[in-house]
Amino acid sequence: MSSDPYNARVREFFAAPVHAGSLAGGVTVLADDQGVRVALSARVADGRIAALRFRAWGCPHLVAAVEWVCRHYEGEPLEALEKFPTARIMEDLAVPIEKTGRILVVEDAIHSLGRSLTH
């Protein structure tokens, strides 16, 4: 058994997060809880998430999870933001159970973004 706390996917997403940054002219939300911060920015076109970017302050699992989320939702219809694949993220990134709260902060950010984009 490896003593490395991060799997290959976490290392890949943390080392080169292609969705890191902000979007000019997009809608931005901030989630700040449990010692982590996540800012999500989105632009919508034709009822779809045309672009999604993030800024995150926290551990590598958090950064990788937000990158995962951006890859998952970008290009999807706005309604997709209503469902959040917590278990899939936890499994894909091998997030330790004690870090579940951090993934729930990302979920809060996604739901907040969805509300902001539909109102």
PDB file of N, CA and C in Angstrom:
ATOM      1  N   MET A   1       0.841  -1.186   0.000  1.00  0.00           N
ATOM      2  CA  MET A   1       0.000   0.000   0.000  1.00  0.00           C
ATOM      3  C   MET A   1       0.887   1.251   0.000  1.00  0.00           C
ATOM      4  N   SER A   2       0.535   2.207  -0.825  1.00  0.00           N
ATOM      5  CA  SER A   2       1.312   3.441  -0.958  1.00  0.00           C
ATOM      6  C   SER A   2       1.014   4.394   0.193  1.00  0.00           C
ATOM      7  N   SER A   3       2.024   5.116   0.599  1.00  0.00           N
ATOM      8  CA  SER A   3       1.813   6.138   1.630  1.00  0.00           C
ATOM      9  C   SER A   3       1.507   7.498   0.990  1.00  0.00           C
ATOM     10  N   ASP A   4       1.455   7.543  -0.343  1.00  0.00           N
ATOM     11  CA  ASP A   4       1.151   8.783  -1.063  1.00  0.00           C
ATOM     12  C   ASP A   4      -0.337   9.101  -0.890  1.00  0.00           C
ATOM     13  N   PRO A   5      -0.675  10.262  -0.321  1.00  0.00           N
ATOM     14  CA  PRO A   5      -2.080  10.594  -0.084  1.00  0.00           C
ATOM     15  C   PRO A   5      -2.831  11.031  -1.349  1.00  0.00           C
ATOM     16  N   TYR A   6      -2.137  11.179  -2.465  1.00  0.00           N
ATOM     17  CA  TYR A   6      -2.774  11.687  -3.687  1.00  0.00           C
ATOM     18  C   TYR A   6      -2.622  10.689  -4.822  1.00  0.00           C
ATOM     19  N   ASN A   7      -3.729  10.381  -5.493  1.00  0.00           N
ATOM     20  CA  ASN A   7      -3.638   9.474  -6.633  1.00  0.00           C
ATOM     21  C   ASN A   7      -3.180  10.253  -7.875  1.00  0.00           C
ATOM     22  N   ALA A   8      -2.979   9.535  -8.971  1.00  0.00           N
ATOM     23  CA  ALA A   8      -2.455  10.152 -10.200  1.00  0.00           C
ATOM     24  C   ALA A   8      -3.373  11.250 -10.728  1.00  0.00           C
ATOM     25  N   ARG A   9      -4.664  11.060 -10.598  1.00  0.00           N
ATOM     26  CA  ARG A   9      -5.608  12.071 -11.106  1.00  0.00           C
ATOM     27  C   ARG A   9      -5.511  13.367 -10.300  1.00  0.00           C
ATOM     28  N   VAL A  10      -5.411  13.251  -8.999  1.00  0.00           N
ATOM     29  CA  VAL A  10      -5.241  14.447  -8.149  1.00  0.00           C
ATOM     30  C   VAL A  10      -3.959  15.163  -8.543  1.00  0.00           C
ATOM     31  N   ARG A  11      -2.899  14.426  -8.697  1.00  0.00           N
ATOM     32  CA  ARG A  11      -1.612  15.038  -9.075  1.00  0.00           C
ATOM     33  C   ARG A  11      -1.713  15.734 -10.431  1.00  0.00           C
ATOM     34  N   GLU A  12      -2.377  15.104 -11.384  1.00  0.00           N
ATOM     35  CA  GLU A  12      -2.541  15.695 -12.722  1.00  0.00           C
ATOM     36  C   GLU A  12      -3.357  16.988 -12.650  1.00  0.00           C
ATOM     37  N   PHE A  13      -4.507  16.936 -11.998  1.00  0.00           N
ATOM     38  CA  PHE A  13      -5.389  18.107 -11.934  1.00  0.00           C
ATOM     39  C   PHE A  13      -4.776  19.233 -11.109  1.00  0.00           C
ATOM     40  N   PHE A  14      -4.039  18.881 -10.043  1.00  0.00           N
ATOM     41  CA  PHE A  14      -3.409  19.896  -9.206  1.00  0.00           C
ATOM     42  C   PHE A  14      -2.233  20.551  -9.927  1.00  0.00           C
ATOM     43  N   ALA A  15      -1.466  19.758 -10.663  1.00  0.00           N
ATOM     44  CA  ALA A  15      -0.278  20.276 -11.347  1.00  0.00           C
ATOM     45  C   ALA A  15      -0.619  21.160 -12.539  1.00  0.00           C
ATOM     46  N   ALA A  16      -1.719  20.859 -13.215  1.00  0.00           N
ATOM     47  CA  ALA A  16      -2.068  21.612 -14.433  1.00  0.00           C
ATOM     48  C   ALA A  16      -3.580  21.800 -14.527  1.00  0.00           C
ATOM     49  N   PRO A  17      -4.133  22.636 -13.660  1.00  0.00           N
ATOM     50  CA  PRO A  17      -5.581  22.868 -13.700  1.00  0.00           C
ATOM     51  C   PRO A  17      -5.955  23.789 -14.870  1.00  0.00           C
ATOM     52  N   VAL A  18      -6.454  23.210 -15.945  1.00  0.00           N
ATOM     53  CA  VAL A  18      -6.731  23.988 -17.163  1.00  0.00           C
ATOM     54  C   VAL A  18      -7.877  24.983 -16.992  1.00  0.00           C
ATOM     55  N   HIS A  19      -8.684  24.831 -15.948  1.00  0.00           N
ATOM     56  CA  HIS A  19      -9.809  25.732 -15.722  1.00  0.00           C
ATOM     57  C   HIS A  19      -9.534  26.780 -14.635  1.00  0.00           C
ATOM     58  N   ALA A  20      -8.305  26.860 -14.167  1.00  0.00           N
ATOM     59  CA  ALA A  20      -7.968  27.835 -13.131  1.00  0.00           C
ATOM     60  C   ALA A  20      -8.004  29.242 -13.716  1.00  0.00           C
ATOM     61  N   GLY A  21      -8.555  30.171 -12.956  1.00  0.00           N
ATOM     62  CA  GLY A  21      -8.616  31.561 -13.387  1.00  0.00           C
ATOM     63  C   GLY A  21     -10.008  32.133 -13.210  1.00  0.00           C
ATOM     64  N   SER A  22     -10.228  33.278 -13.809  1.00  0.00           N
ATOM     65  CA  SER A  22     -11.516  33.971 -13.730  1.00  0.00           C
ATOM     66  C   SER A  22     -12.014  34.247 -15.136  1.00  0.00           C
ATOM     67  N   LEU A  23     -13.288  34.532 -15.244  1.00  0.00           N
ATOM     68  CA  LEU A  23     -13.888  34.888 -16.526  1.00  0.00           C
ATOM     69  C   LEU A  23     -14.387  36.318 -16.476  1.00  0.00           C
ATOM     70  N   ALA A  24     -13.891  37.149 -17.351  1.00  0.00           N
ATOM     71  CA  ALA A  24     -14.418  38.508 -17.464  1.00  0.00           C
ATOM     72  C   ALA A  24     -15.826  38.418 -18.023  1.00  0.00           C
ATOM     73  N   GLY A  25     -16.730  39.142 -17.434  1.00  0.00           N
ATOM     74  CA  GLY A  25     -18.100  39.163 -17.916  1.00  0.00           C
ATOM     75  C   GLY A  25     -18.923  37.956 -17.529  1.00  0.00           C
ATOM     76  N   GLY A  26     -18.374  37.085 -16.697  1.00  0.00           N
ATOM     77  CA  GLY A  26     -19.122  35.914 -16.251  1.00  0.00           C
ATOM     78  C   GLY A  26     -19.780  36.163 -14.905  1.00  0.00           C
ATOM     79  N   VAL A  27     -20.576  35.216 -14.480  1.00  0.00           N
ATOM     80  CA  VAL A  27     -21.195  35.243 -13.150  1.00  0.00           C
ATOM     81  C   VAL A  27     -20.243  34.507 -12.213  1.00  0.00           C
ATOM     82  N   THR A  28     -19.943  35.125 -11.067  1.00  0.00           N
ATOM     83  CA  THR A  28     -19.006  34.527 -10.117  1.00  0.00           C
ATOM     84  C   THR A  28     -19.667  34.367  -8.759  1.00  0.00           C
ATOM     85  N   VAL A  29     -19.419  33.216  -8.131  1.00  0.00           N
ATOM     86  CA  VAL A  29     -19.896  32.957  -6.770  1.00  0.00           C
ATOM     87  C   VAL A  29     -18.692  32.540  -5.928  1.00  0.00           C
ATOM     88  N   LEU A  30     -18.834  32.707  -4.625  1.00  0.00           N
ATOM     89  CA  LEU A  30     -17.771  32.348  -3.690  1.00  0.00           C
ATOM     90  C   LEU A  30     -18.356  31.486  -2.580  1.00  0.00           C
ATOM     91  N   ALA A  31     -17.693  30.391  -2.277  1.00  0.00           N
ATOM     92  CA  ALA A  31     -18.038  29.549  -1.122  1.00  0.00           C
ATOM     93  C   ALA A  31     -16.819  29.558  -0.206  1.00  0.00           C
ATOM     94  N   ASP A  32     -17.041  29.874   1.046  1.00  0.00           N
ATOM     95  CA  ASP A  32     -15.960  29.999   2.016  1.00  0.00           C
ATOM     96  C   ASP A  32     -16.406  29.297   3.294  1.00  0.00           C
ATOM     97  N   ASP A  33     -15.844  28.107   3.558  1.00  0.00           N
ATOM     98  CA  ASP A  33     -16.273  27.334   4.711  1.00  0.00           C
ATOM     99  C   ASP A  33     -15.204  26.290   5.027  1.00  0.00           C
ATOM    100  N   GLN A  34     -15.145  25.841   6.242  1.00  0.00           N
ATOM    101  CA  GLN A  34     -14.247  24.771   6.680  1.00  0.00           C
ATOM    102  C   GLN A  34     -12.782  25.037   6.330  1.00  0.00           C
ATOM    103  N   GLY A  35     -12.400  26.297   6.289  1.00  0.00           N
ATOM    104  CA  GLY A  35     -11.023  26.650   6.023  1.00  0.00           C
ATOM    105  C   GLY A  35     -10.619  26.620   4.559  1.00  0.00           C
ATOM    106  N   VAL A  36     -11.593  26.468   3.661  1.00  0.00           N
ATOM    107  CA  VAL A  36     -11.312  26.480   2.228  1.00  0.00           C
ATOM    108  C   VAL A  36     -12.191  27.515   1.541  1.00  0.00           C
ATOM    109  N   ARG A  37     -11.707  28.001   0.402  1.00  0.00           N
ATOM    110  CA  ARG A  37     -12.470  28.970  -0.393  1.00  0.00           C
ATOM    111  C   ARG A  37     -12.491  28.501  -1.838  1.00  0.00           C
ATOM    112  N   VAL A  38     -13.646  28.630  -2.454  1.00  0.00           N
ATOM    113  CA  VAL A  38     -13.812  28.268  -3.856  1.00  0.00           C
ATOM    114  C   VAL A  38     -14.592  29.388  -4.541  1.00  0.00           C
ATOM    115  N   ALA A  39     -14.016  29.943  -5.603  1.00  0.00           N
ATOM    116  CA  ALA A  39     -14.713  30.921  -6.443  1.00  0.00           C
ATOM    117  C   ALA A  39     -14.938  30.253  -7.800  1.00  0.00           C
ATOM    118  N   LEU A  40     -16.177  30.255  -8.252  1.00  0.00           N
ATOM    119  CA  LEU A  40     -16.523  29.702  -9.564  1.00  0.00           C
ATOM    120  C   LEU A  40     -17.055  30.823 -10.438  1.00  0.00           C
ATOM    121  N   SER A  41     -16.590  30.882 -11.672  1.00  0.00           N
ATOM    122  CA  SER A  41     -17.061  31.864 -12.651  1.00  0.00           C
ATOM    123  C   SER A  41     -17.572  31.095 -13.865  1.00  0.00           C
ATOM    124  N   ALA A  42     -18.724  31.523 -14.385  1.00  0.00           N
ATOM    125  CA  ALA A  42     -19.303  30.837 -15.540  1.00  0.00           C
ATOM    126  C   ALA A  42     -19.873  31.834 -16.528  1.00  0.00           C
ATOM    127  N   ARG A  43     -19.836  31.410 -17.777  1.00  0.00           N
ATOM    128  CA  ARG A  43     -20.536  32.109 -18.854  1.00  0.00           C
ATOM    129  C   ARG A  43     -21.485  31.107 -19.491  1.00  0.00           C
ATOM    130  N   VAL A  44     -22.668  31.583 -19.842  1.00  0.00           N
ATOM    131  CA  VAL A  44     -23.702  30.731 -20.414  1.00  0.00           C
ATOM    132  C   VAL A  44     -24.014  31.201 -21.823  1.00  0.00           C
ATOM    133  N   ALA A  45     -24.264  30.232 -22.709  1.00  0.00           N
ATOM    134  CA  ALA A  45     -24.703  30.522 -24.074  1.00  0.00           C
ATOM    135  C   ALA A  45     -25.697  29.439 -24.487  1.00  0.00           C
ATOM    136  N   ASP A  46     -26.834  29.871 -24.990  1.00  0.00           N
ATOM    137  CA  ASP A  46     -27.863  28.932 -25.460  1.00  0.00           C
ATOM    138  C   ASP A  46     -28.246  27.896 -24.410  1.00  0.00           C
ATOM    139  N   GLY A  47     -28.355  28.327 -23.147  1.00  0.00           N
ATOM    140  CA  GLY A  47     -28.787  27.437 -22.075  1.00  0.00           C
ATOM    141  C   GLY A  47     -27.746  26.435 -21.616  1.00  0.00           C
ATOM    142  N   ARG A  48     -26.509  26.605 -22.075  1.00  0.00           N
ATOM    143  CA  ARG A  48     -25.419  25.697 -21.699  1.00  0.00           C
ATOM    144  C   ARG A  48     -24.303  26.475 -21.016  1.00  0.00           C
ATOM    145  N   ILE A  49     -23.529  25.766 -20.210  1.00  0.00           N
ATOM    146  CA  ILE A  49     -22.378  26.369 -19.551  1.00  0.00           C
ATOM    147  C   ILE A  49     -21.262  26.423 -20.591  1.00  0.00           C
ATOM    148  N   ALA A  50     -21.075  27.595 -21.166  1.00  0.00           N
ATOM    149  CA  ALA A  50     -20.098  27.764 -22.253  1.00  0.00           C
ATOM    150  C   ALA A  50     -18.665  27.753 -21.734  1.00  0.00           C
ATOM    151  N   ALA A  51     -18.459  28.318 -20.553  1.00  0.00           N
ATOM    152  CA  ALA A  51     -17.117  28.367 -19.965  1.00  0.00           C
ATOM    153  C   ALA A  51     -17.253  28.361 -18.450  1.00  0.00           C
ATOM    154  N   LEU A  52     -16.335  27.678 -17.794  1.00  0.00           N
ATOM    155  CA  LEU A  52     -16.344  27.570 -16.344  1.00  0.00           C
ATOM    156  C   LEU A  52     -14.905  27.656 -15.858  1.00  0.00           C
ATOM    157  N   ARG A  53     -14.655  28.547 -14.914  1.00  0.00           N
ATOM    158  CA  ARG A  53     -13.316  28.736 -14.354  1.00  0.00           C
ATOM    159  C   ARG A  53     -13.405  28.777 -12.832  1.00  0.00           C
ATOM    160  N   PHE A  54     -12.275  28.560 -12.191  1.00  0.00           N
ATOM    161  CA  PHE A  54     -12.276  28.549 -10.726  1.00  0.00           C
ATOM    162  C   PHE A  54     -10.998  29.148 -10.160  1.00  0.00           C
ATOM    163  N   ARG A  55     -11.139  29.531  -8.914  1.00  0.00           N
ATOM    164  CA  ARG A  55     -10.000  29.855  -8.050  1.00  0.00           C
ATOM    165  C   ARG A  55     -10.286  29.129  -6.750  1.00  0.00           C
ATOM    166  N   ALA A  56      -9.286  28.437  -6.218  1.00  0.00           N
ATOM    167  CA  ALA A  56      -9.491  27.659  -4.997  1.00  0.00           C
ATOM    168  C   ALA A  56      -8.315  27.832  -4.056  1.00  0.00           C
ATOM    169  N   TRP A  57      -8.631  27.895  -2.788  1.00  0.00           N
ATOM    170  CA  TRP A  57      -7.635  27.999  -1.736  1.00  0.00           C
ATOM    171  C   TRP A  57      -7.865  26.831  -0.794  1.00  0.00           C
ATOM    172  N   GLY A  58      -6.955  25.863  -0.842  1.00  0.00           N
ATOM    173  CA  GLY A  58      -7.094  24.676  -0.006  1.00  0.00           C
ATOM    174  C   GLY A  58      -6.099  23.617  -0.422  1.00  0.00           C
ATOM    175  N   CYS A  59      -6.347  22.408  -0.022  1.00  0.00           N
ATOM    176  CA  CYS A  59      -5.437  21.288  -0.259  1.00  0.00           C
ATOM    177  C   CYS A  59      -5.507  20.802  -1.713  1.00  0.00           C
ATOM    178  N   PRO A  60      -4.555  19.965  -2.124  1.00  0.00           N
ATOM    179  CA  PRO A  60      -4.583  19.414  -3.484  1.00  0.00           C
ATOM    180  C   PRO A  60      -5.881  18.679  -3.826  1.00  0.00           C
ATOM    181  N   HIS A  61      -6.480  17.985  -2.859  1.00  0.00           N
ATOM    182  CA  HIS A  61      -7.760  17.323  -3.138  1.00  0.00           C
ATOM    183  C   HIS A  61      -8.828  18.343  -3.524  1.00  0.00           C
ATOM    184  N   LEU A  62      -8.861  19.475  -2.852  1.00  0.00           N
ATOM    185  CA  LEU A  62      -9.846  20.508  -3.168  1.00  0.00           C
ATOM    186  C   LEU A  62      -9.618  21.065  -4.568  1.00  0.00           C
ATOM    187  N   VAL A  63      -8.396  21.433  -4.879  1.00  0.00           N
ATOM    188  CA  VAL A  63      -8.080  21.994  -6.200  1.00  0.00           C
ATOM    189  C   VAL A  63      -8.440  20.979  -7.289  1.00  0.00           C
ATOM    190  N   ALA A  64      -8.057  19.722  -7.081  1.00  0.00           N
ATOM    191  CA  ALA A  64      -8.369  18.678  -8.064  1.00  0.00           C
ATOM    192  C   ALA A  64      -9.873  18.498  -8.201  1.00  0.00           C
ATOM    193  N   ALA A  65     -10.606  18.566  -7.101  1.00  0.00           N
ATOM    194  CA  ALA A  65     -12.062  18.397  -7.152  1.00  0.00           C
ATOM    195  C   ALA A  65     -12.721  19.525  -7.940  1.00  0.00           C
ATOM    196  N   VAL A  66     -12.262  20.742  -7.771  1.00  0.00           N
ATOM    197  CA  VAL A  66     -12.865  21.861  -8.501  1.00  0.00           C
ATOM    198  C   VAL A  66     -12.505  21.757  -9.988  1.00  0.00           C
ATOM    199  N   GLU A  67     -11.302  21.348 -10.301  1.00  0.00           N
ATOM    200  CA  GLU A  67     -10.945  21.110 -11.709  1.00  0.00           C
ATOM    201  C   GLU A  67     -11.819  20.004 -12.295  1.00  0.00           C
ATOM    202  N   TRP A  68     -12.024  18.937 -11.552  1.00  0.00           N
ATOM    203  CA  TRP A  68     -12.880  17.829 -11.976  1.00  0.00           C
ATOM    204  C   TRP A  68     -14.279  18.356 -12.289  1.00  0.00           C
ATOM    205  N   VAL A  69     -14.801  19.176 -11.380  1.00  0.00           N
ATOM    206  CA  VAL A  69     -16.140  19.741 -11.535  1.00  0.00           C
ATOM    207  C   VAL A  69     -16.228  20.606 -12.797  1.00  0.00           C
ATOM    208  N   CYS A  70     -15.233  21.431 -13.034  1.00  0.00           N
ATOM    209  CA  CYS A  70     -15.240  22.279 -14.232  1.00  0.00           C
ATOM    210  C   CYS A  70     -15.254  21.430 -15.500  1.00  0.00           C
ATOM    211  N   ARG A  71     -14.439  20.397 -15.520  1.00  0.00           N
ATOM    212  CA  ARG A  71     -14.416  19.509 -16.692  1.00  0.00           C
ATOM    213  C   ARG A  71     -15.757  18.799 -16.868  1.00  0.00           C
ATOM    214  N   HIS A  72     -16.368  18.433 -15.766  1.00  0.00           N
ATOM    215  CA  HIS A  72     -17.642  17.706 -15.791  1.00  0.00           C
ATOM    216  C   HIS A  72     -18.795  18.568 -16.303  1.00  0.00           C
ATOM    217  N   TYR A  73     -18.872  19.816 -15.849  1.00  0.00           N
ATOM    218  CA  TYR A  73     -20.031  20.667 -16.161  1.00  0.00           C
ATOM    219  C   TYR A  73     -19.878  21.527 -17.412  1.00  0.00           C
ATOM    220  N   GLU A  74     -18.681  21.877 -17.798  1.00  0.00           N
ATOM    221  CA  GLU A  74     -18.506  22.750 -18.956  1.00  0.00           C
ATOM    222  C   GLU A  74     -19.116  22.093 -20.200  1.00  0.00           C
ATOM    223  N   GLY A  75     -19.956  22.843 -20.883  1.00  0.00           N
ATOM    224  CA  GLY A  75     -20.642  22.346 -22.070  1.00  0.00           C
ATOM    225  C   GLY A  75     -21.995  21.722 -21.781  1.00  0.00           C
ATOM    226  N   GLU A  76     -22.291  21.497 -20.517  1.00  0.00           N
ATOM    227  CA  GLU A  76     -23.555  20.876 -20.124  1.00  0.00           C
ATOM    228  C   GLU A  76     -24.675  21.920 -20.013  1.00  0.00           C
ATOM    229  N   PRO A  77     -25.931  21.474 -20.087  1.00  0.00           N
ATOM    230  CA  PRO A  77     -27.047  22.406 -19.882  1.00  0.00           C
ATOM    231  C   PRO A  77     -27.071  22.907 -18.435  1.00  0.00           C
ATOM    232  N   LEU A  78     -27.642  24.077 -18.235  1.00  0.00           N
ATOM    233  CA  LEU A  78     -27.708  24.661 -16.896  1.00  0.00           C
ATOM    234  C   LEU A  78     -28.339  23.723 -15.878  1.00  0.00           C
ATOM    235  N   GLU A  79     -29.326  22.942 -16.304  1.00  0.00           N
ATOM    236  CA  GLU A  79     -30.021  22.037 -15.381  1.00  0.00           C
ATOM    237  C   GLU A  79     -29.066  21.020 -14.759  1.00  0.00           C
ATOM    238  N   ALA A  80     -27.954  20.744 -15.405  1.00  0.00           N
ATOM    239  CA  ALA A  80     -26.992  19.780 -14.870  1.00  0.00           C
ATOM    240  C   ALA A  80     -26.443  20.225 -13.514  1.00  0.00           C
ATOM    241  N   LEU A  81     -26.438  21.531 -13.258  1.00  0.00           N
ATOM    242  CA  LEU A  81     -25.913  22.052 -11.991  1.00  0.00           C
ATOM    243  C   LEU A  81     -26.775  21.659 -10.795  1.00  0.00           C
ATOM    244  N   GLU A  82     -27.968  21.147 -11.049  1.00  0.00           N
ATOM    245  CA  GLU A  82     -28.857  20.735  -9.957  1.00  0.00           C
ATOM    246  C   GLU A  82     -28.388  19.444  -9.299  1.00  0.00           C
ATOM    247  N   LYS A  83     -27.603  18.639 -10.021  1.00  0.00           N
ATOM    248  CA  LYS A  83     -27.118  17.365  -9.479  1.00  0.00           C
ATOM    249  C   LYS A  83     -25.611  17.450  -9.299  1.00  0.00           C
ATOM    250  N   PHE A  84     -25.146  16.937  -8.175  1.00  0.00           N
ATOM    251  CA  PHE A  84     -23.720  16.980  -7.878  1.00  0.00           C
ATOM    252  C   PHE A  84     -23.235  15.569  -7.563  1.00  0.00           C
ATOM    253  N   PRO A  85     -22.240  15.078  -8.303  1.00  0.00           N
ATOM    254  CA  PRO A  85     -21.778  13.695  -8.145  1.00  0.00           C
ATOM    255  C   PRO A  85     -20.742  13.504  -7.033  1.00  0.00           C
ATOM    256  N   THR A  86     -21.136  13.749  -5.805  1.00  0.00           N
ATOM    257  CA  THR A  86     -20.207  13.677  -4.673  1.00  0.00           C
ATOM    258  C   THR A  86     -19.465  12.340  -4.624  1.00  0.00           C
ATOM    259  N   ALA A  87     -20.198  11.243  -4.672  1.00  0.00           N
ATOM    260  CA  ALA A  87     -19.578   9.924  -4.552  1.00  0.00           C
ATOM    261  C   ALA A  87     -18.587   9.668  -5.687  1.00  0.00           C
ATOM    262  N   ARG A  88     -18.941  10.084  -6.886  1.00  0.00           N
ATOM    263  CA  ARG A  88     -18.055   9.873  -8.035  1.00  0.00           C
ATOM    264  C   ARG A  88     -16.749  10.662  -7.886  1.00  0.00           C
ATOM    265  N   ILE A  89     -16.857  11.908  -7.427  1.00  0.00           N
ATOM    266  CA  ILE A  89     -15.665  12.735  -7.202  1.00  0.00           C
ATOM    267  C   ILE A  89     -14.786  12.100  -6.123  1.00  0.00           C
ATOM    268  N   MET A  90     -15.425  11.710  -5.028  1.00  0.00           N
ATOM    269  CA  MET A  90     -14.677  11.095  -3.922  1.00  0.00           C
ATOM    270  C   MET A  90     -13.931   9.849  -4.406  1.00  0.00           C
ATOM    271  N   GLU A  91     -14.585   9.049  -5.235  1.00  0.00           N
ATOM    272  CA  GLU A  91     -13.967   7.821  -5.745  1.00  0.00           C
ATOM    273  C   GLU A  91     -12.882   8.115  -6.776  1.00  0.00           C
ATOM    274  N   ASP A  92     -13.188   8.952  -7.772  1.00  0.00           N
ATOM    275  CA  ASP A  92     -12.220   9.254  -8.834  1.00  0.00           C
ATOM    276  C   ASP A  92     -10.930   9.861  -8.287  1.00  0.00           C
ATOM    277  N   LEU A  93     -11.065  10.687  -7.261  1.00  0.00           N
ATOM    278  CA  LEU A  93      -9.899  11.393  -6.716  1.00  0.00           C
ATOM    279  C   LEU A  93      -9.365  10.758  -5.436  1.00  0.00           C
ATOM    280  N   ALA A  94      -9.955   9.639  -5.031  1.00  0.00           N
ATOM    281  CA  ALA A  94      -9.546   8.949  -3.797  1.00  0.00           C
ATOM    282  C   ALA A  94      -9.451   9.932  -2.628  1.00  0.00           C
ATOM    283  N   VAL A  95     -10.517  10.719  -2.469  1.00  0.00           N
ATOM    284  CA  VAL A  95     -10.555  11.715  -1.390  1.00  0.00           C
ATOM    285  C   VAL A  95     -10.829  10.987  -0.073  1.00  0.00           C
ATOM    286  N   PRO A  96      -9.986  11.184   0.921  1.00  0.00           N
ATOM    287  CA  PRO A  96     -10.227  10.542   2.222  1.00  0.00           C
ATOM    288  C   PRO A  96     -11.549  11.011   2.825  1.00  0.00           C
ATOM    289  N   ILE A  97     -12.218  10.123   3.506  1.00  0.00           N
ATOM    290  CA  ILE A  97     -13.533  10.411   4.086  1.00  0.00           C
ATOM    291  C   ILE A  97     -13.499  11.655   4.979  1.00  0.00           C
ATOM    292  N   GLU A  98     -12.370  11.883   5.647  1.00  0.00           N
ATOM    293  CA  GLU A  98     -12.284  13.047   6.538  1.00  0.00           C
ATOM    294  C   GLU A  98     -12.261  14.373   5.770  1.00  0.00           C
ATOM    295  N   LYS A  99     -12.107  14.318   4.444  1.00  0.00           N
ATOM    296  CA  LYS A  99     -12.132  15.532   3.625  1.00  0.00           C
ATOM    297  C   LYS A  99     -13.462  15.706   2.890  1.00  0.00           C
ATOM    298  N   THR A 100     -14.456  14.920   3.232  1.00  0.00           N
ATOM    299  CA  THR A 100     -15.771  15.015   2.592  1.00  0.00           C
ATOM    300  C   THR A 100     -16.329  16.433   2.695  1.00  0.00           C
ATOM    301  N   GLY A 101     -16.124  17.079   3.812  1.00  0.00           N
ATOM    302  CA  GLY A 101     -16.631  18.439   4.009  1.00  0.00           C
ATOM    303  C   GLY A 101     -16.122  19.408   2.962  1.00  0.00           C
ATOM    304  N   ARG A 102     -14.906  19.221   2.515  1.00  0.00           N
ATOM    305  CA  ARG A 102     -14.336  20.105   1.485  1.00  0.00           C
ATOM    306  C   ARG A 102     -15.047  19.905   0.152  1.00  0.00           C
ATOM    307  N   ILE A 103     -15.385  18.657  -0.145  1.00  0.00           N
ATOM    308  CA  ILE A 103     -16.120  18.381  -1.380  1.00  0.00           C
ATOM    309  C   ILE A 103     -17.523  18.973  -1.284  1.00  0.00           C
ATOM    310  N   LEU A 104     -18.098  18.978  -0.098  1.00  0.00           N
ATOM    311  CA  LEU A 104     -19.423  19.578   0.092  1.00  0.00           C
ATOM    312  C   LEU A 104     -19.384  21.097  -0.079  1.00  0.00           C
ATOM    313  N   VAL A 105     -18.244  21.725   0.206  1.00  0.00           N
ATOM    314  CA  VAL A 105     -18.085  23.158  -0.065  1.00  0.00           C
ATOM    315  C   VAL A 105     -18.134  23.401  -1.574  1.00  0.00           C
ATOM    316  N   VAL A 106     -17.511  22.502  -2.339  1.00  0.00           N
ATOM    317  CA  VAL A 106     -17.564  22.606  -3.802  1.00  0.00           C
ATOM    318  C   VAL A 106     -19.008  22.431  -4.270  1.00  0.00           C
ATOM    319  N   GLU A 107     -19.722  21.487  -3.670  1.00  0.00           N
ATOM    320  CA  GLU A 107     -21.139  21.293  -4.009  1.00  0.00           C
ATOM    321  C   GLU A 107     -21.941  22.562  -3.725  1.00  0.00           C
ATOM    322  N   ASP A 108     -21.700  23.186  -2.585  1.00  0.00           N
ATOM    323  CA  ASP A 108     -22.393  24.441  -2.261  1.00  0.00           C
ATOM    324  C   ASP A 108     -22.110  25.503  -3.317  1.00  0.00           C
ATOM    325  N   ALA A 109     -20.865  25.574  -3.766  1.00  0.00           N
ATOM    326  CA  ALA A 109     -20.501  26.562  -4.791  1.00  0.00           C
ATOM    327  C   ALA A 109     -21.233  26.282  -6.096  1.00  0.00           C
ATOM    328  N   ILE A 110     -21.317  25.021  -6.498  1.00  0.00           N
ATOM    329  CA  ILE A 110     -22.025  24.658  -7.733  1.00  0.00           C
ATOM    330  C   ILE A 110     -23.501  25.013  -7.631  1.00  0.00           C
ATOM    331  N   HIS A 111     -24.132  24.688  -6.516  1.00  0.00           N
ATOM    332  CA  HIS A 111     -25.549  25.013  -6.364  1.00  0.00           C
ATOM    333  C   HIS A 111     -25.781  26.523  -6.319  1.00  0.00           C
ATOM    334  N   SER A 112     -24.889  27.245  -5.679  1.00  0.00           N
ATOM    335  CA  SER A 112     -24.991  28.707  -5.659  1.00  0.00           C
ATOM    336  C   SER A 112     -24.832  29.273  -7.076  1.00  0.00           C
ATOM    337  N   LEU A 113     -23.897  28.728  -7.819  1.00  0.00           N
ATOM    338  CA  LEU A 113     -23.697  29.170  -9.203  1.00  0.00           C
ATOM    339  C   LEU A 113     -24.951  28.893 -10.026  1.00  0.00           C
ATOM    340  N   GLY A 114     -25.526  27.723  -9.861  1.00  0.00           N
ATOM    341  CA  GLY A 114     -26.752  27.391 -10.577  1.00  0.00           C
ATOM    342  C   GLY A 114     -27.880  28.359 -10.283  1.00  0.00           C
ATOM    343  N   ARG A 115     -28.041  28.707  -9.009  1.00  0.00           N
ATOM    344  CA  ARG A 115     -29.087  29.685  -8.640  1.00  0.00           C
ATOM    345  C   ARG A 115     -28.797  31.052  -9.253  1.00  0.00           C
ATOM    346  N   SER A 116     -27.549  31.460  -9.233  1.00  0.00           N
ATOM    347  CA  SER A 116     -27.173  32.777  -9.779  1.00  0.00           C
ATOM    348  C   SER A 116     -27.369  32.832 -11.297  1.00  0.00           C
ATOM    349  N   LEU A 117     -27.133  31.741 -11.979  1.00  0.00           N
ATOM    350  CA  LEU A 117     -27.251  31.725 -13.427  1.00  0.00           C
ATOM    351  C   LEU A 117     -28.688  31.637 -13.917  1.00  0.00           C
ATOM    352  N   THR A 118     -29.577  31.131 -13.063  1.00  0.00           N
ATOM    353  CA  THR A 118     -30.970  30.981 -13.489  1.00  0.00           C
ATOM    354  C   THR A 118     -31.874  32.082 -12.982  1.00  0.00           C
ATOM    355  N   HIS A 119     -31.347  33.036 -12.245  1.00  0.00           N
ATOM    356  CA  HIS A 119     -32.180  34.151 -11.757  1.00  0.00           C
ATOM    357  C   HIS A 119     -31.774  35.455 -12.365  1.00  0.00           C
TER     358      HIS A 119
END
